[in-house]
PDB file of N, CA and C in Angstrom:
ATOM      1  N   MET A   1       1.054  -6.578 -13.984  1.00  0.00           N
ATOM      2  CA  MET A   1       1.516  -5.439 -12.962  1.00  0.00           C
ATOM      3  C   MET A   1       1.581  -4.200 -14.048  1.00  0.00           C
ATOM      4  N   ASN A   2       1.604  -3.064 -13.547  1.00  0.00           N
ATOM      5  CA  ASN A   2       1.338  -1.924 -14.007  1.00  0.00           C
ATOM      6  C   ASN A   2       2.751  -1.606 -14.428  1.00  0.00           C
ATOM      7  N   SER A   3       3.044  -0.705 -15.340  1.00  0.00           N
ATOM      8  CA  SER A   3       4.377  -0.279 -15.903  1.00  0.00           C
ATOM      9  C   SER A   3       4.524   0.868 -15.019  1.00  0.00           C
ATOM     10  N   GLY A   4       5.938   1.327 -15.183  1.00  0.00           N
ATOM     11  CA  GLY A   4       6.583   1.882 -14.467  1.00  0.00           C
ATOM     12  C   GLY A   4       6.227   3.681 -14.342  1.00  0.00           C
ATOM     13  N   SER A   5       5.530   3.745 -15.338  1.00  0.00           N
ATOM     14  CA  SER A   5       4.464   5.253 -15.882  1.00  0.00           C
ATOM     15  C   SER A   5       3.181   5.484 -15.153  1.00  0.00           C
ATOM     16  N   GLU A   6       2.957   3.947 -14.715  1.00  0.00           N
ATOM     17  CA  GLU A   6       1.433   4.759 -13.734  1.00  0.00           C
ATOM     18  C   GLU A   6       1.534   4.589 -12.283  1.00  0.00           C
ATOM     19  N   ALA A   7       0.530   5.529 -11.914  1.00  0.00           N
ATOM     20  CA  ALA A   7       0.840   5.586 -10.615  1.00  0.00           C
ATOM     21  C   ALA A   7       0.093   4.428  -9.736  1.00  0.00           C
ATOM     22  N   ARG A   8       1.121   3.849  -9.090  1.00  0.00           N
ATOM     23  CA  ARG A   8       0.135   2.489  -8.128  1.00  0.00           C
ATOM     24  C   ARG A   8      -0.469   3.084  -7.113  1.00  0.00           C
ATOM     25  N   PRO A   9      -1.736   2.808  -6.362  1.00  0.00           N
ATOM     26  CA  PRO A   9      -2.283   2.832  -5.310  1.00  0.00           C
ATOM     27  C   PRO A   9      -1.186   2.632  -4.160  1.00  0.00           C
ATOM     28  N   ARG A  10      -1.544   3.426  -3.079  1.00  0.00           N
ATOM     29  CA  ARG A  10      -1.225   3.190  -2.029  1.00  0.00           C
ATOM     30  C   ARG A  10      -1.809   2.783  -0.874  1.00  0.00           C
ATOM     31  N   ALA A  11      -1.609   1.964  -0.464  1.00  0.00           N
ATOM     32  CA  ALA A  11      -2.290   1.405   0.954  1.00  0.00           C
ATOM     33  C   ALA A  11      -1.863   1.167   1.986  1.00  0.00           C
ATOM     34  N   THR A  12      -2.236   0.954   3.022  1.00  0.00           N
ATOM     35  CA  THR A  12      -2.125   0.759   4.418  1.00  0.00           C
ATOM     36  C   THR A  12      -2.514  -0.477   4.763  1.00  0.00           C
ATOM     37  N   VAL A  13      -1.494  -1.485   5.267  1.00  0.00           N
ATOM     38  CA  VAL A  13      -2.064  -2.612   6.054  1.00  0.00           C
ATOM     39  C   VAL A  13      -3.013  -2.600   7.288  1.00  0.00           C
ATOM     40  N   ILE A  14      -3.871  -3.051   7.444  1.00  0.00           N
ATOM     41  CA  ILE A  14      -4.606  -2.799   8.558  1.00  0.00           C
ATOM     42  C   ILE A  14      -5.079  -4.099   9.577  1.00  0.00           C
ATOM     43  N   LYS A  15      -4.983  -5.330   8.769  1.00  0.00           N
ATOM     44  CA  LYS A  15      -4.724  -6.554   9.385  1.00  0.00           C
ATOM     45  C   LYS A  15      -3.870  -7.551   8.735  1.00  0.00           C
ATOM     46  N   VAL A  16      -3.032  -8.324   9.317  1.00  0.00           N
ATOM     47  CA  VAL A  16      -1.878  -8.940   9.059  1.00  0.00           C
ATOM     48  C   VAL A  16      -2.554 -10.186   8.618  1.00  0.00           C
ATOM     49  N   PRO A  17      -2.482 -10.718   7.588  1.00  0.00           N
ATOM     50  CA  PRO A  17      -2.898 -12.403   7.476  1.00  0.00           C
ATOM     51  C   PRO A  17      -2.504 -13.264   8.520  1.00  0.00           C
ATOM     52  N   ASP A  18      -3.389 -14.268   8.939  1.00  0.00           N
ATOM     53  CA  ASP A  18      -2.798 -15.179  10.088  1.00  0.00           C
ATOM     54  C   ASP A  18      -3.945 -16.701   9.234  1.00  0.00           C
ATOM     55  N   ALA A  19      -4.472 -17.154  10.231  1.00  0.00           N
ATOM     56  CA  ALA A  19      -5.516 -17.681   9.416  1.00  0.00           C
ATOM     57  C   ALA A  19      -6.980 -17.337   8.815  1.00  0.00           C
ATOM     58  N   SER A  20      -6.937 -16.100   9.073  1.00  0.00           N
ATOM     59  CA  SER A  20      -8.058 -15.165   7.870  1.00  0.00           C
ATOM     60  C   SER A  20      -7.131 -14.382   7.004  1.00  0.00           C
ATOM     61  N   PRO A  21      -7.647 -13.962   6.197  1.00  0.00           N
ATOM     62  CA  PRO A  21      -6.924 -12.830   4.928  1.00  0.00           C
ATOM     63  C   PRO A  21      -6.490 -11.791   5.698  1.00  0.00           C
ATOM     64  N   GLY A  22      -5.629 -11.265   5.513  1.00  0.00           N
ATOM     65  CA  GLY A  22      -5.254  -9.612   5.698  1.00  0.00           C
ATOM     66  C   GLY A  22      -6.031  -8.488   5.144  1.00  0.00           C
ATOM     67  N   LEU A  23      -6.117  -7.269   5.488  1.00  0.00           N
ATOM     68  CA  LEU A  23      -6.827  -6.333   5.361  1.00  0.00           C
ATOM     69  C   LEU A  23      -5.900  -5.202   4.744  1.00  0.00           C
ATOM     70  N   LEU A  24      -6.219  -4.693   3.643  1.00  0.00           N
ATOM     71  CA  LEU A  24      -5.498  -3.316   3.526  1.00  0.00           C
ATOM     72  C   LEU A  24      -6.905  -2.266   3.236  1.00  0.00           C
ATOM     73  N   PHE A  25      -6.482  -0.899   3.610  1.00  0.00           N
ATOM     74  CA  PHE A  25      -7.256   0.065   3.176  1.00  0.00           C
ATOM     75  C   PHE A  25      -6.625   0.779   2.137  1.00  0.00           C
ATOM     76  N   ILE A  26      -7.673   0.781   0.887  1.00  0.00           N
ATOM     77  CA  ILE A  26      -6.938   1.548  -0.370  1.00  0.00           C
ATOM     78  C   ILE A  26      -8.492   2.195  -1.105  1.00  0.00           C
ATOM     79  N   ASN A  27      -7.993   3.478  -1.417  1.00  0.00           N
ATOM     80  CA  ASN A  27      -8.869   4.217  -2.053  1.00  0.00           C
ATOM     81  C   ASN A  27     -10.162   4.196  -1.042  1.00  0.00           C
ATOM     82  N   GLY A  28     -10.184   4.226   0.089  1.00  0.00           N
ATOM     83  CA  GLY A  28     -11.460   4.285   0.848  1.00  0.00           C
ATOM     84  C   GLY A  28     -12.023   3.063   1.103  1.00  0.00           C
ATOM     85  N   GLN A  29     -11.422   2.343   0.687  1.00  0.00           N
ATOM     86  CA  GLN A  29     -11.998   0.634   1.048  1.00  0.00           C
ATOM     87  C   GLN A  29     -11.054  -0.322   1.491  1.00  0.00           C
ATOM     88  N   GLU A  30     -11.675  -1.006   2.252  1.00  0.00           N
ATOM     89  CA  GLU A  30     -11.081  -2.447   2.738  1.00  0.00           C
ATOM     90  C   GLU A  30     -10.751  -3.584   1.742  1.00  0.00           C
ATOM     91  N   LYS A  31      -9.768  -3.888   1.337  1.00  0.00           N
ATOM     92  CA  LYS A  31      -9.673  -5.103   0.445  1.00  0.00           C
ATOM     93  C   LYS A  31      -8.890  -6.367   1.189  1.00  0.00           C
ATOM     94  N   GLN A  32      -9.376  -7.584   1.044  1.00  0.00           N
ATOM     95  CA  GLN A  32      -8.813  -8.208   1.848  1.00  0.00           C
ATOM     96  C   GLN A  32      -7.292  -8.937   0.957  1.00  0.00           C
ATOM     97  N   PHE A  33      -6.506  -9.668   1.392  1.00  0.00           N
ATOM     98  CA  PHE A  33      -5.486  -9.880   0.864  1.00  0.00           C
ATOM     99  C   PHE A  33      -4.866 -11.582   1.652  1.00  0.00           C
ATOM    100  N   LEU A  34      -3.954 -12.187   0.784  1.00  0.00           N
ATOM    101  CA  LEU A  34      -3.401 -13.416   1.308  1.00  0.00           C
ATOM    102  C   LEU A  34      -1.955 -13.313   0.689  1.00  0.00           C
ATOM    103  N   LEU A  35      -0.965 -13.726   1.508  1.00  0.00           N
ATOM    104  CA  LEU A  35       0.440 -13.288   1.079  1.00  0.00           C
ATOM    105  C   LEU A  35       1.120 -14.099  -0.251  1.00  0.00           C
ATOM    106  N   GLU A  36       0.512 -15.665  -0.164  1.00  0.00           N
ATOM    107  CA  GLU A  36       1.064 -16.308  -1.239  1.00  0.00           C
ATOM    108  C   GLU A  36       0.449 -15.637  -2.546  1.00  0.00           C
ATOM    109  N   GLY A  37       1.717 -15.703  -3.674  1.00  0.00           N
ATOM    110  CA  GLY A  37       1.481 -15.104  -4.893  1.00  0.00           C
ATOM    111  C   GLY A  37       1.290 -13.455  -4.798  1.00  0.00           C
ATOM    112  N   VAL A  38       0.849 -12.750  -4.069  1.00  0.00           N
ATOM    113  CA  VAL A  38       0.750 -11.489  -3.906  1.00  0.00           C
ATOM    114  C   VAL A  38       1.717 -10.616  -3.205  1.00  0.00           C
ATOM    115  N   TRP A  39       2.529 -11.193  -2.172  1.00  0.00           N
ATOM    116  CA  TRP A  39       3.134 -10.532  -1.173  1.00  0.00           C
ATOM    117  C   TRP A  39       4.688 -10.419  -1.968  1.00  0.00           C
ATOM    118  N   LYS A  40       5.311  -9.348  -2.648  1.00  0.00           N
ATOM    119  CA  LYS A  40       6.589  -9.115  -3.228  1.00  0.00           C
ATOM    120  C   LYS A  40       7.487  -8.589  -2.331  1.00  0.00           C
ATOM    121  N   SER A  41       7.502  -8.531  -1.502  1.00  0.00           N
ATOM    122  CA  SER A  41       8.850  -7.693  -0.474  1.00  0.00           C
ATOM    123  C   SER A  41       9.250  -9.169   0.461  1.00  0.00           C
ATOM    124  N   ALA A  42      10.664  -8.281   0.738  1.00  0.00           N
ATOM    125  CA  ALA A  42      11.398  -9.645   1.524  1.00  0.00           C
ATOM    126  C   ALA A  42      10.637  -9.436   2.739  1.00  0.00           C
ATOM    127  N   VAL A  43      10.375  -8.241   3.220  1.00  0.00           N
ATOM    128  CA  VAL A  43       9.956  -8.092   4.956  1.00  0.00           C
ATOM    129  C   VAL A  43       8.628  -8.538   5.263  1.00  0.00           C
ATOM    130  N   ALA A  44       8.363  -9.126   6.101  1.00  0.00           N
ATOM    131  CA  ALA A  44       6.992  -9.883   6.470  1.00  0.00           C
ATOM    132  C   ALA A  44       5.793  -8.404   6.849  1.00  0.00           C
ATOM    133  N   PRO A  45       4.383  -8.442   6.633  1.00  0.00           N
ATOM    134  CA  PRO A  45       3.456  -7.406   6.409  1.00  0.00           C
ATOM    135  C   PRO A  45       3.360  -6.771   8.273  1.00  0.00           C
ATOM    136  N   ALA A  46       3.407  -5.866   8.394  1.00  0.00           N
ATOM    137  CA  ALA A  46       2.771  -5.322   9.401  1.00  0.00           C
ATOM    138  C   ALA A  46       1.712  -4.548   9.456  1.00  0.00           C
ATOM    139  N   ALA A  47       0.919  -4.466  10.589  1.00  0.00           N
ATOM    140  CA  ALA A  47       0.008  -3.441  10.996  1.00  0.00           C
ATOM    141  C   ALA A  47       0.325  -1.950  10.592  1.00  0.00           C
ATOM    142  N   ASN A  48      -0.171  -1.230   9.932  1.00  0.00           N
ATOM    143  CA  ASN A  48       0.040   0.180   9.446  1.00  0.00           C
ATOM    144  C   ASN A  48       1.165   0.335   8.591  1.00  0.00           C
ATOM    145  N   MET A  49       1.689  -0.701   7.895  1.00  0.00           N
ATOM    146  CA  MET A  49       2.476  -0.417   7.232  1.00  0.00           C
ATOM    147  C   MET A  49       1.824  -0.054   5.613  1.00  0.00           C
ATOM    148  N   THR A  50       2.870   0.767   5.210  1.00  0.00           N
ATOM    149  CA  THR A  50       2.208   1.472   3.832  1.00  0.00           C
ATOM    150  C   THR A  50       2.920   0.778   2.571  1.00  0.00           C
ATOM    151  N   VAL A  51       1.968   0.266   1.568  1.00  0.00           N
ATOM    152  CA  VAL A  51       2.385  -0.546   0.463  1.00  0.00           C
ATOM    153  C   VAL A  51       2.075  -0.052  -0.749  1.00  0.00           C
ATOM    154  N   ASP A  52       2.522  -0.211  -1.912  1.00  0.00           N
ATOM    155  CA  ASP A  52       2.287  -0.122  -3.155  1.00  0.00           C
ATOM    156  C   ASP A  52       1.584  -1.279  -3.713  1.00  0.00           C
ATOM    157  N   VAL A  53       0.504  -1.334  -4.585  1.00  0.00           N
ATOM    158  CA  VAL A  53      -0.610  -2.280  -4.559  1.00  0.00           C
ATOM    159  C   VAL A  53      -1.047  -2.423  -6.327  1.00  0.00           C
ATOM    160  N   ASP A  54      -0.724  -3.384  -7.035  1.00  0.00           N
ATOM    161  CA  ASP A  54      -1.126  -3.273  -8.356  1.00  0.00           C
ATOM    162  C   ASP A  54      -2.187  -4.070  -8.125  1.00  0.00           C
ATOM    163  N   LEU A  55      -3.145  -3.394  -9.099  1.00  0.00           N
ATOM    164  CA  LEU A  55      -4.443  -4.533  -9.361  1.00  0.00           C
ATOM    165  C   LEU A  55      -4.605  -4.662 -10.793  1.00  0.00           C
ATOM    166  N   ASP A  56      -5.733  -6.171 -10.905  1.00  0.00           N
ATOM    167  CA  ASP A  56      -5.820  -6.610 -12.007  1.00  0.00           C
ATOM    168  C   ASP A  56      -7.001  -5.969 -12.636  1.00  0.00           C
ATOM    169  N   GLY A  57      -7.508  -6.290 -14.031  1.00  0.00           N
ATOM    170  CA  GLY A  57      -8.420  -5.745 -14.681  1.00  0.00           C
ATOM    171  C   GLY A  57      -9.769  -5.332 -13.723  1.00  0.00           C
ATOM    172  N   SER A  58      -9.955  -6.738 -12.759  1.00  0.00           N
ATOM    173  CA  SER A  58     -11.470  -6.622 -12.156  1.00  0.00           C
ATOM    174  C   SER A  58     -10.871  -6.319 -10.677  1.00  0.00           C
ATOM    175  N   GLY A  59     -10.148  -5.291 -10.330  1.00  0.00           N
ATOM    176  CA  GLY A  59      -9.894  -4.789  -9.207  1.00  0.00           C
ATOM    177  C   GLY A  59      -9.537  -5.492  -8.062  1.00  0.00           C
ATOM    178  N   GLY A  60      -8.929  -6.732  -8.411  1.00  0.00           N
ATOM    179  CA  GLY A  60      -8.128  -7.441  -7.324  1.00  0.00           C
ATOM    180  C   GLY A  60      -7.033  -7.517  -7.561  1.00  0.00           C
ATOM    181  N   ILE A  61      -6.445  -7.603  -6.069  1.00  0.00           N
ATOM    182  CA  ILE A  61      -5.039  -7.435  -5.712  1.00  0.00           C
ATOM    183  C   ILE A  61      -4.037  -8.472  -6.666  1.00  0.00           C
ATOM    184  N   SER A  62      -3.255  -8.145  -7.678  1.00  0.00           N
ATOM    185  CA  SER A  62      -2.137  -8.595  -7.919  1.00  0.00           C
ATOM    186  C   SER A  62      -0.653  -8.389  -7.491  1.00  0.00           C
ATOM    187  N   ALA A  63      -0.786  -7.576  -6.694  1.00  0.00           N
ATOM    188  CA  ALA A  63       0.963  -7.398  -6.179  1.00  0.00           C
ATOM    189  C   ALA A  63       0.728  -6.376  -4.909  1.00  0.00           C
ATOM    190  N   ILE A  64       1.512  -6.816  -3.908  1.00  0.00           N
ATOM    191  CA  ILE A  64       1.671  -5.839  -2.926  1.00  0.00           C
ATOM    192  C   ILE A  64       3.139  -5.524  -2.324  1.00  0.00           C
ATOM    193  N   THR A  65       3.728  -4.655  -2.733  1.00  0.00           N
ATOM    194  CA  THR A  65       5.188  -4.330  -2.257  1.00  0.00           C
ATOM    195  C   THR A  65       5.383  -2.979  -1.071  1.00  0.00           C
ATOM    196  N   VAL A  66       5.924  -3.493  -0.326  1.00  0.00           N
ATOM    197  CA  VAL A  66       6.323  -2.410   0.665  1.00  0.00           C
ATOM    198  C   VAL A  66       6.627  -0.941   0.291  1.00  0.00           C
ATOM    199  N   VAL A  67       6.227   0.032   0.738  1.00  0.00           N
ATOM    200  CA  VAL A  67       7.233   1.159   0.345  1.00  0.00           C
ATOM    201  C   VAL A  67       8.258   1.516   1.676  1.00  0.00           C
ATOM    202  N   ASP A  68       9.329   1.942   1.086  1.00  0.00           N
ATOM    203  CA  ASP A  68      10.430   2.244   2.167  1.00  0.00           C
ATOM    204  C   ASP A  68       9.543   3.466   2.930  1.00  0.00           C
ATOM    205  N   PRO A  69       9.942   3.277   4.238  1.00  0.00           N
ATOM    206  CA  PRO A  69       9.442   4.179   5.044  1.00  0.00           C
ATOM    207  C   PRO A  69       9.997   5.818   5.115  1.00  0.00           C
ATOM    208  N   LYS A  70      11.132   5.967   5.145  1.00  0.00           N
ATOM    209  CA  LYS A  70      11.904   7.071   4.724  1.00  0.00           C
ATOM    210  C   LYS A  70      11.239   7.809   3.296  1.00  0.00           C
ATOM    211  N   GLU A  71      10.599   7.016   2.310  1.00  0.00           N
ATOM    212  CA  GLU A  71      10.112   7.813   1.305  1.00  0.00           C
ATOM    213  C   GLU A  71       8.337   8.152   1.948  1.00  0.00           C
ATOM    214  N   VAL A  72       7.871   7.238   2.516  1.00  0.00           N
ATOM    215  CA  VAL A  72       6.767   7.700   3.277  1.00  0.00           C
ATOM    216  C   VAL A  72       7.020   8.809   4.101  1.00  0.00           C
ATOM    217  N   ALA A  73       7.724   8.817   5.079  1.00  0.00           N
ATOM    218  CA  ALA A  73       8.058   9.827   5.974  1.00  0.00           C
ATOM    219  C   ALA A  73       8.374  11.414   5.173  1.00  0.00           C
ATOM    220  N   ALA A  74       9.081  11.244   3.978  1.00  0.00           N
ATOM    221  CA  ALA A  74       9.397  12.635   3.018  1.00  0.00           C
ATOM    222  C   ALA A  74       8.066  12.933   2.350  1.00  0.00           C
ATOM    223  N   GLN A  75       7.222  12.059   1.894  1.00  0.00           N
ATOM    224  CA  GLN A  75       6.156  12.654   1.666  1.00  0.00           C
ATOM    225  C   GLN A  75       5.299  12.936   2.042  1.00  0.00           C
ATOM    226  N   LYS A  76       4.859  13.048   3.728  1.00  0.00           N
ATOM    227  CA  LYS A  76       4.037  13.371   4.577  1.00  0.00           C
ATOM    228  C   LYS A  76       4.713  14.487   4.716  1.00  0.00           C
ATOM    229  N   MET A  77       6.025  14.808   5.233  1.00  0.00           N
ATOM    230  CA  MET A  77       6.552  16.251   5.276  1.00  0.00           C
ATOM    231  C   MET A  77       6.193  16.948   4.160  1.00  0.00           C
ATOM    232  N   ASP A  78       6.476  16.638   2.876  1.00  0.00           N
ATOM    233  CA  ASP A  78       6.062  17.730   1.720  1.00  0.00           C
ATOM    234  C   ASP A  78       4.602  18.101   1.645  1.00  0.00           C
ATOM    235  N   GLU A  79       3.459  16.931   2.309  1.00  0.00           N
ATOM    236  CA  GLU A  79       2.228  17.499   2.222  1.00  0.00           C
ATOM    237  C   GLU A  79       1.910  18.366   3.420  1.00  0.00           C
ATOM    238  N   ALA A  80       2.709  18.058   4.346  1.00  0.00           N
ATOM    239  CA  ALA A  80       2.619  19.000   5.270  1.00  0.00           C
ATOM    240  C   ALA A  80       3.120  20.342   5.091  1.00  0.00           C
ATOM    241  N   LEU A  81       4.314  20.557   4.185  1.00  0.00           N
ATOM    242  CA  LEU A  81       4.664  21.966   3.696  1.00  0.00           C
ATOM    243  C   LEU A  81       3.639  22.649   2.895  1.00  0.00           C
ATOM    244  N   SER A  82       3.183  21.642   2.019  1.00  0.00           N
ATOM    245  CA  SER A  82       2.142  22.289   0.887  1.00  0.00           C
ATOM    246  C   SER A  82       1.341  22.966   1.819  1.00  0.00           C
ATOM    247  N   ALA A  83       0.414  22.059   2.936  1.00  0.00           N
ATOM    248  CA  ALA A  83      -0.630  22.444   3.366  1.00  0.00           C
ATOM    249  C   ALA A  83      -0.385  23.879   3.869  1.00  0.00           C
ATOM    250  N   THR A  84       0.823  24.023   4.743  1.00  0.00           N
ATOM    251  CA  THR A  84       1.261  25.394   5.551  1.00  0.00           C
ATOM    252  C   THR A  84       1.094  26.409   4.551  1.00  0.00           C
ATOM    253  N   SER A  85       1.754  26.124   3.479  1.00  0.00           N
ATOM    254  CA  SER A  85       1.937  27.280   2.559  1.00  0.00           C
ATOM    255  C   SER A  85       0.604  27.910   1.797  1.00  0.00           C
ATOM    256  N   LYS A  86      -0.130  27.088   1.919  1.00  0.00           N
ATOM    257  CA  LYS A  86      -1.868  27.830   1.253  1.00  0.00           C
ATOM    258  C   LYS A  86      -2.545  28.351   2.495  1.00  0.00           C
ATOM    259  N   VAL A  87      -2.077  28.176   3.606  1.00  0.00           N
ATOM    260  CA  VAL A  87      -2.589  28.935   4.735  1.00  0.00           C
ATOM    261  C   VAL A  87      -2.444  30.725   4.458  1.00  0.00           C
TER     262      VAL A  87
END
């Protein structure tokens, strides 16, 4: 796992795993994932959920953790305010 000082990539769940792997949209790419061994949150994955992802040395997913929806909303608000202040 990454140390706390490193930024972890953010991703969006675009397909929840079922009989086939789930899909994340991360860094402009789709990556498949399974729950076993990598899903680190108590809540089940859902489509459009924002997650933090730990990647191993080869770019494979080693851990997925749900981001608090309040944190996501606050970041989106900050981004919107920054964008409007630049206009």
